[in-house]
Amino acid sequence: MDIDVVALSAELTALEEYLARARDRVESLINPLRSTEREDIISPLYESERLLRSAERAISRAERATR
């Protein structure tokens, strides 16, 4: 089975960009809540932001490995 590395790299790049946009959206949800005491909402959003950032870095490493 041959792997189309160019297509894989492009797909990983697109996924990385999608994750970055998702992380930005989560950050935009957090900002208005920072001045509130809604830790029940803020805490899982911060966790989601960290997980998205981690996924973004992992996908980036995979994409770099295709070069």
C-alpha atoms as a PDB file:
ATOM      1  CA  MET A   1       0.000   0.000   0.000  1.00  0.00           C
ATOM      2  CA  ASP A   2       1.534   3.270  -1.139  1.00  0.00           C
ATOM      3  CA  ILE A   3       0.906   6.379   0.911  1.00  0.00           C
ATOM      4  CA  ASP A   4       0.339   9.664  -0.894  1.00  0.00           C
ATOM      5  CA  VAL A   5       2.527  11.765   1.414  1.00  0.00           C
ATOM      6  CA  VAL A   6       1.612  15.019  -0.316  1.00  0.00           C
ATOM      7  CA  ALA A   7      -2.108  14.411   0.193  1.00  0.00           C
ATOM      8  CA  LEU A   8      -1.491  13.284   3.774  1.00  0.00           C
ATOM      9  CA  SER A   9       0.519  16.427   4.501  1.00  0.00           C
ATOM     10  CA  ALA A  10      -2.219  18.613   3.018  1.00  0.00           C
ATOM     11  CA  GLU A  11      -4.887  16.839   5.051  1.00  0.00           C
ATOM     12  CA  LEU A  12      -2.874  17.195   8.257  1.00  0.00           C
ATOM     13  CA  THR A  13      -2.306  20.896   7.560  1.00  0.00           C
ATOM     14  CA  ALA A  14      -6.032  21.401   7.024  1.00  0.00           C
ATOM     15  CA  LEU A  15      -6.780  19.543  10.247  1.00  0.00           C
ATOM     16  CA  GLU A  16      -4.238  21.647  12.134  1.00  0.00           C
ATOM     17  CA  GLU A  17      -5.925  24.823  10.854  1.00  0.00           C
ATOM     18  CA  TYR A  18      -9.352  23.475  11.843  1.00  0.00           C
ATOM     19  CA  LEU A  19      -8.116  22.733  15.370  1.00  0.00           C
ATOM     20  CA  ALA A  20      -6.624  26.233  15.631  1.00  0.00           C
ATOM     21  CA  ARG A  21      -9.962  27.763  14.617  1.00  0.00           C
ATOM     22  CA  ALA A  22     -11.794  25.567  17.143  1.00  0.00           C
ATOM     23  CA  ARG A  23      -9.334  26.634  19.857  1.00  0.00           C
ATOM     24  CA  ASP A  24      -9.877  30.287  18.921  1.00  0.00           C
ATOM     25  CA  ARG A  25     -13.644  29.782  19.200  1.00  0.00           C
ATOM     26  CA  VAL A  26     -13.278  28.259  22.658  1.00  0.00           C
ATOM     27  CA  GLU A  27     -11.032  31.161  23.709  1.00  0.00           C
ATOM     28  CA  SER A  28     -13.686  33.607  22.515  1.00  0.00           C
ATOM     29  CA  LEU A  29     -16.201  31.842  24.755  1.00  0.00           C
ATOM     30  CA  ILE A  30     -13.870  32.074  27.744  1.00  0.00           C
ATOM     31  CA  ASN A  31     -13.070  35.795  27.476  1.00  0.00           C
ATOM     32  CA  PRO A  32     -16.506  37.161  28.469  1.00  0.00           C
ATOM     33  CA  LEU A  33     -16.698  34.687  31.359  1.00  0.00           C
ATOM     34  CA  ARG A  34     -13.388  35.693  32.956  1.00  0.00           C
ATOM     35  CA  SER A  35     -15.005  38.454  34.991  1.00  0.00           C
ATOM     36  CA  THR A  36     -17.706  36.110  36.299  1.00  0.00           C
ATOM     37  CA  GLU A  37     -17.664  33.422  38.932  1.00  0.00           C
ATOM     38  CA  ARG A  38     -18.869  30.704  36.548  1.00  0.00           C
ATOM     39  CA  GLU A  39     -16.095  28.191  37.207  1.00  0.00           C
ATOM     40  CA  ASP A  40     -18.586  25.457  36.313  1.00  0.00           C
ATOM     41  CA  ILE A  41     -18.390  26.727  32.722  1.00  0.00           C
ATOM     42  CA  ILE A  42     -14.899  28.221  32.607  1.00  0.00           C
ATOM     43  CA  SER A  43     -13.058  25.173  33.922  1.00  0.00           C
ATOM     44  CA  PRO A  44     -14.211  22.721  31.220  1.00  0.00           C
ATOM     45  CA  LEU A  45     -13.638  25.382  28.570  1.00  0.00           C
ATOM     46  CA  TYR A  46     -10.043  25.853  29.732  1.00  0.00           C
ATOM     47  CA  GLU A  47      -9.609  22.079  29.668  1.00  0.00           C
ATOM     48  CA  SER A  48     -11.012  21.966  26.132  1.00  0.00           C
ATOM     49  CA  GLU A  49      -8.674  24.753  25.059  1.00  0.00           C
ATOM     50  CA  ARG A  50      -5.663  22.855  26.435  1.00  0.00           C
ATOM     51  CA  LEU A  51      -6.738  19.620  24.756  1.00  0.00           C
ATOM     52  CA  LEU A  52      -7.243  21.361  21.415  1.00  0.00           C
ATOM     53  CA  ARG A  53      -3.813  22.994  21.714  1.00  0.00           C
ATOM     54  CA  SER A  54      -2.287  19.592  22.492  1.00  0.00           C
ATOM     55  CA  ALA A  55      -4.047  17.992  19.523  1.00  0.00           C
ATOM     56  CA  GLU A  56      -2.895  20.854  17.305  1.00  0.00           C
ATOM     57  CA  ARG A  57       0.734  20.284  18.334  1.00  0.00           C
ATOM     58  CA  ALA A  58       0.462  16.515  17.785  1.00  0.00           C
ATOM     59  CA  ILE A  59      -1.003  16.982  14.302  1.00  0.00           C
ATOM     60  CA  SER A  60       1.732  19.526  13.552  1.00  0.00           C
ATOM     61  CA  ARG A  61       4.402  16.986  14.549  1.00  0.00           C
ATOM     62  CA  ALA A  62       2.793  14.386  12.294  1.00  0.00           C
ATOM     63  CA  GLU A  63       2.687  16.871   9.415  1.00  0.00           C
ATOM     64  CA  ARG A  64       6.364  17.752   9.875  1.00  0.00           C
ATOM     65  CA  ALA A  65       7.205  14.046   9.781  1.00  0.00           C
ATOM     66  CA  THR A  66       5.794  13.856   6.244  1.00  0.00           C
ATOM     67  CA  ARG A  67       8.506  16.203   4.931  1.00  0.00           C
END
